[in-house]
Amino acid sequence: MDFTLDEAQQAVADLSGSILGDHLDMERLLAIEDGLDGDGAWFDPALWAALSGAGLLGIALGEDMGGGGLDAVALAILLRAQGNHVAPLPLLPHCVAAMAIDRFGSEGQRNRLLPGCVDGSHILTVAVQEYLEDRIREPGARVDDDALHGGKIVVEGADLAGHAVVTAGGVGGPGGFPWGPSGGGAKPAPGPPPPPPPGPRACFVRPPPRARRRGRPRPGPPVGAPPRLGA
């Protein structure tokens, strides 16, 4: 089996390695890490802008949306370069969510969400994992009565993302639902007990603020349901 990169894949490897190498060094990474103590994010906006300007954020998206029209191998090459440089960016969830919308979304969803993903102005993430639940194909989050119920854990980039592709069950079976503040949802919030593990979370049945402060969250009104991918 030949694992040699083709011309387009090698161009992605060279370009991504050059941009990441130019922007990141140990001093820069330590400065970003120090900012975490002041509620900063593990995120380098200048590097994000450089990658979007080079067309790398949409490398695996359709050309009709401004993407590069390449495949998941090109994305894997970009992610390998990110790992080599420990780049503080939510590249994996952003690109996976964008690819899901590109492949399964309606034309309206693609036109609304993907151009911003390509130019870097709109960050995406995925919300899949649930607390003490490993049946990924049978999500506990659900859509019924025109509302999205439940919660997710380990939502990478939840503090940066404008939308998350949420896996949830519904009348037509499990599916992906683009959810966000501009799409009828609410901002990510702490999940209900039992106490979840550390990490970003998204809760769609929000507890009252006073109850959250006392550490005893109680379910509040469910978030309005976003449309399923492809609807």
Protein backbone atom coordinates (compact mmCIF):
# COMPACT_ATOMS: atom_id res chain seq x y z
CA MET A 1 0.00 0.00 0.00
CA ASP A 2 1.37 3.41 -1.02
CA PHE A 3 1.08 6.12 1.64
CA THR A 4 2.86 8.77 -0.42
CA LEU A 5 0.99 12.07 -0.39
CA ASP A 6 -0.31 13.32 -3.69
CA GLU A 7 0.41 16.85 -4.88
CA ALA A 8 -2.62 18.45 -3.22
CA GLN A 9 -2.05 16.62 0.06
CA GLN A 10 1.61 17.60 0.12
CA ALA A 11 0.62 21.22 -0.49
CA VAL A 12 -1.66 21.05 2.57
CA ALA A 13 1.15 19.56 4.66
CA ASP A 14 3.67 22.19 3.55
CA LEU A 15 1.31 25.16 3.93
CA SER A 16 -0.10 24.15 7.31
CA GLY A 17 3.34 23.32 8.69
CA SER A 18 4.70 26.67 7.53
CA ILE A 19 1.85 28.73 9.01
CA LEU A 20 1.87 26.90 12.33
CA GLY A 21 5.64 27.04 12.59
CA ASP A 22 5.69 30.79 11.88
CA HIS A 23 3.01 31.60 14.46
CA LEU A 24 3.84 29.31 17.36
CA ASP A 25 6.80 28.89 19.62
CA MET A 26 7.17 27.96 23.27
CA GLU A 27 6.93 31.60 24.38
CA ARG A 28 3.63 32.08 22.55
CA LEU A 29 2.16 28.85 23.93
CA LEU A 30 3.15 29.77 27.47
CA ALA A 31 1.53 33.19 27.08
CA ILE A 32 -1.75 31.59 25.97
CA GLU A 33 -1.56 29.10 28.83
CA ASP A 34 -0.98 31.93 31.33
CA GLY A 35 -4.11 33.63 29.99
CA LEU A 36 -6.21 30.63 31.04
CA ASP A 37 -5.91 31.78 34.64
CA GLY A 38 -7.78 34.97 33.70
CA ASP A 39 -10.69 33.13 32.05
CA GLY A 40 -8.93 33.19 28.71
CA ALA A 41 -9.49 30.46 26.11
CA TRP A 42 -7.00 27.91 24.78
CA PHE A 43 -7.26 29.69 21.45
CA ASP A 44 -4.99 31.77 19.21
CA PRO A 45 -7.20 34.11 17.12
CA ALA A 46 -4.30 35.34 14.98
CA LEU A 47 -3.40 31.77 14.03
CA TRP A 48 -7.06 30.96 13.34
CA ALA A 49 -7.23 33.96 10.99
CA ALA A 50 -4.04 32.87 9.24
CA LEU A 51 -5.39 29.37 8.61
CA SER A 52 -8.70 30.73 7.31
CA GLY A 53 -6.88 33.19 5.06
CA ALA A 54 -4.94 30.29 3.57
CA GLY A 55 -8.16 28.35 2.93
CA LEU A 56 -7.29 25.58 5.37
CA LEU A 57 -10.33 25.79 7.65
CA GLY A 58 -12.55 24.70 4.77
CA ILE A 59 -10.08 22.33 3.16
CA ALA A 60 -12.51 19.38 3.21
CA LEU A 61 -15.69 21.33 2.36
CA GLY A 62 -17.39 21.66 -1.01
CA GLU A 63 -16.05 24.20 -3.46
CA ASP A 64 -19.55 25.64 -3.86
CA MET A 65 -19.27 26.82 -0.24
CA GLY A 66 -15.79 28.27 -0.74
CA GLY A 67 -14.03 25.15 0.53
CA GLY A 68 -11.06 23.35 -0.92
CA GLY A 69 -13.00 20.35 -2.18
CA LEU A 70 -10.51 17.88 -0.72
CA ASP A 71 -11.26 14.86 1.49
CA ALA A 72 -10.78 13.65 5.05
CA VAL A 73 -7.16 12.71 4.32
CA ALA A 74 -6.36 16.39 3.74
CA LEU A 75 -8.06 17.21 7.04
CA ALA A 76 -6.03 14.51 8.80
CA ILE A 77 -2.85 16.09 7.41
CA LEU A 78 -3.92 19.48 8.80
CA LEU A 79 -4.72 17.92 12.18
CA ARG A 80 -1.34 16.16 12.24
CA ALA A 81 0.35 19.52 11.74
CA GLN A 82 -1.75 20.97 14.56
CA GLY A 83 -0.63 18.18 16.87
CA ASN A 84 3.00 18.58 15.91
CA HIS A 85 2.87 22.24 16.98
CA VAL A 86 0.38 21.85 19.89
CA ALA A 87 -1.72 24.54 18.22
CA PRO A 88 -4.40 25.94 20.58
CA LEU A 89 -7.34 25.71 18.20
CA PRO A 90 -10.64 23.74 18.08
CA LEU A 91 -9.79 22.45 14.61
CA LEU A 92 -11.12 18.89 14.97
CA PRO A 93 -14.64 19.69 16.25
CA HIS A 94 -14.96 22.70 13.94
CA CYS A 95 -14.04 20.75 10.82
CA VAL A 96 -16.02 17.62 11.74
CA ALA A 97 -19.16 19.69 12.40
CA ALA A 98 -18.66 21.60 9.15
CA MET A 99 -18.22 18.36 7.18
CA ALA A 100 -21.42 16.95 8.70
CA ILE A 101 -23.36 20.05 7.69
CA ASP A 102 -21.79 20.02 4.22
CA ARG A 103 -22.69 16.38 3.63
CA PHE A 104 -26.03 16.05 5.38
CA GLY A 105 -27.38 19.59 5.79
CA SER A 106 -30.06 21.21 3.70
CA GLU A 107 -29.11 23.92 1.24
CA GLY A 108 -30.41 26.49 3.69
CA GLN A 109 -28.25 25.10 6.52
CA ARG A 110 -25.20 24.91 4.28
CA ASN A 111 -25.63 28.45 2.98
CA ARG A 112 -26.25 29.85 6.46
CA LEU A 113 -23.45 28.11 8.37
CA LEU A 114 -20.63 27.06 6.06
CA PRO A 115 -19.35 30.35 4.57
CA GLY A 116 -18.51 31.57 8.09
CA CYS A 117 -16.78 28.26 8.82
CA VAL A 118 -14.54 28.72 5.79
CA ASP A 119 -13.60 32.34 6.52
CA GLY A 120 -13.20 31.66 10.26
CA SER A 121 -15.88 34.08 11.44
CA HIS A 122 -18.16 31.31 12.74
CA ILE A 123 -16.71 28.52 14.87
CA LEU A 124 -18.50 25.18 15.12
CA THR A 125 -18.21 22.26 17.49
CA VAL A 126 -19.84 18.87 18.05
CA ALA A 127 -21.83 17.79 21.11
CA VAL A 128 -21.96 14.00 21.19
CA GLN A 129 -20.75 12.58 24.51
CA GLU A 130 -23.15 12.20 27.44
CA TYR A 131 -22.41 11.61 31.12
CA LEU A 132 -22.18 7.90 32.03
CA GLU A 133 -23.46 6.93 28.59
CA ASP A 134 -21.38 5.26 25.87
CA ARG A 135 -24.11 4.38 23.37
CA ILE A 136 -23.18 7.03 20.84
CA ARG A 137 -25.74 5.76 18.32
CA GLU A 138 -28.54 5.99 20.90
CA PRO A 139 -28.25 9.51 22.34
CA GLY A 140 -30.13 10.33 25.52
CA ALA A 141 -30.69 13.92 24.36
CA ARG A 142 -33.94 14.13 22.47
CA VAL A 143 -36.13 16.40 20.43
CA ASP A 144 -39.85 16.27 21.14
CA ASP A 145 -42.66 18.76 21.59
CA ASP A 146 -40.60 21.18 19.47
CA ALA A 147 -37.90 21.33 22.15
CA LEU A 148 -34.40 19.96 22.67
CA HIS A 149 -33.96 18.15 26.00
CA GLY A 150 -30.84 16.81 27.70
CA GLY A 151 -27.18 17.69 27.96
CA LYS A 152 -23.70 16.84 26.67
CA ILE A 153 -20.23 16.78 28.19
CA VAL A 154 -16.73 17.35 26.79
CA VAL A 155 -17.92 19.86 24.21
CA GLU A 156 -14.59 21.14 22.93
CA GLY A 157 -14.63 24.83 22.09
CA ALA A 158 -18.08 25.34 23.63
CA ASP A 159 -17.01 28.78 24.86
CA LEU A 160 -15.99 29.81 21.33
CA ALA A 161 -18.55 28.15 19.08
CA GLY A 162 -21.55 29.85 17.54
CA HIS A 163 -23.21 26.51 16.79
CA ALA A 164 -22.80 22.89 17.85
CA VAL A 165 -23.97 19.88 15.89
CA VAL A 166 -25.83 18.01 18.64
CA THR A 167 -26.70 14.32 18.37
CA ALA A 168 -30.21 13.66 19.64
CA GLY A 169 -33.10 11.29 19.15
CA GLY A 170 -36.32 12.38 17.52
CA VAL A 171 -39.41 11.25 15.67
CA GLY A 172 -37.32 10.19 12.69
CA GLY A 173 -34.68 8.46 14.82
CA PRO A 174 -31.30 9.80 15.95
CA GLY A 175 -29.78 12.65 14.00
CA GLY A 176 -27.65 15.76 14.11
CA PHE A 177 -29.14 19.13 15.03
CA PRO A 178 -27.24 22.44 14.54
CA TRP A 179 -27.87 24.24 17.83
CA GLY A 180 -26.72 27.67 18.90
CA PRO A 181 -27.69 31.06 20.31
CA SER A 182 -28.66 32.33 16.87
CA GLY A 183 -30.67 29.22 16.04
CA GLY A 184 -33.26 29.08 18.80
CA GLY A 185 -30.95 27.71 21.48
CA ALA A 186 -29.21 29.00 24.58
CA LYS A 187 -25.57 29.45 25.47
CA PRO A 188 -23.75 26.44 26.98
CA ALA A 189 -24.59 26.02 30.66
CA PRO A 190 -23.55 23.67 33.49
CA GLY A 191 -25.25 20.29 33.29
CA PRO A 192 -27.54 18.73 35.93
CA PRO A 193 -26.33 16.33 38.63
CA PRO A 194 -24.79 13.84 39.14
CA PRO A 195 -21.64 15.97 39.12
CA PRO A 196 -20.12 15.72 35.64
CA PRO A 197 -16.41 15.30 34.95
CA PRO A 198 -14.25 18.37 34.29
CA GLY A 199 -14.50 20.01 30.88
CA PRO A 200 -16.86 22.11 28.79
CA ARG A 201 -20.51 21.09 28.74
CA ALA A 202 -23.76 22.06 27.07
CA CYS A 203 -27.09 21.77 28.88
CA PHE A 204 -30.34 22.24 27.00
CA VAL A 205 -32.67 22.06 30.01
CA ARG A 206 -31.32 25.00 31.94
CA PRO A 207 -31.51 25.16 35.77
CA PRO A 208 -32.61 28.41 37.43
CA PRO A 209 -29.60 30.70 38.19
CA ARG A 210 -30.21 30.67 41.97
CA ALA A 211 -30.33 26.89 42.06
CA ARG A 212 -27.10 26.72 40.04
CA ARG A 213 -25.34 28.99 42.53
CA ARG A 214 -26.36 26.74 45.43
CA GLY A 215 -25.01 23.75 43.50
CA ARG A 216 -28.45 22.07 43.27
CA PRO A 217 -29.56 22.71 39.67
CA ARG A 218 -33.15 21.89 38.81
CA PRO A 219 -34.48 21.51 35.25
CA GLY A 220 -35.89 24.65 33.70
CA PRO A 221 -37.72 25.21 30.40
CA PRO A 222 -36.30 23.16 27.53
CA VAL A 223 -34.49 24.92 24.70
CA GLY A 224 -36.41 25.35 21.44
CA ALA A 225 -35.54 22.59 19.02
CA PRO A 226 -33.24 23.42 16.08
CA PRO A 227 -34.02 21.78 12.72
CA ARG A 228 -32.45 18.39 11.99
CA LEU A 229 -29.60 18.31 9.47
CA GLY A 230 -31.18 18.05 6.05
CA ALA A 231 -34.55 19.41 7.19
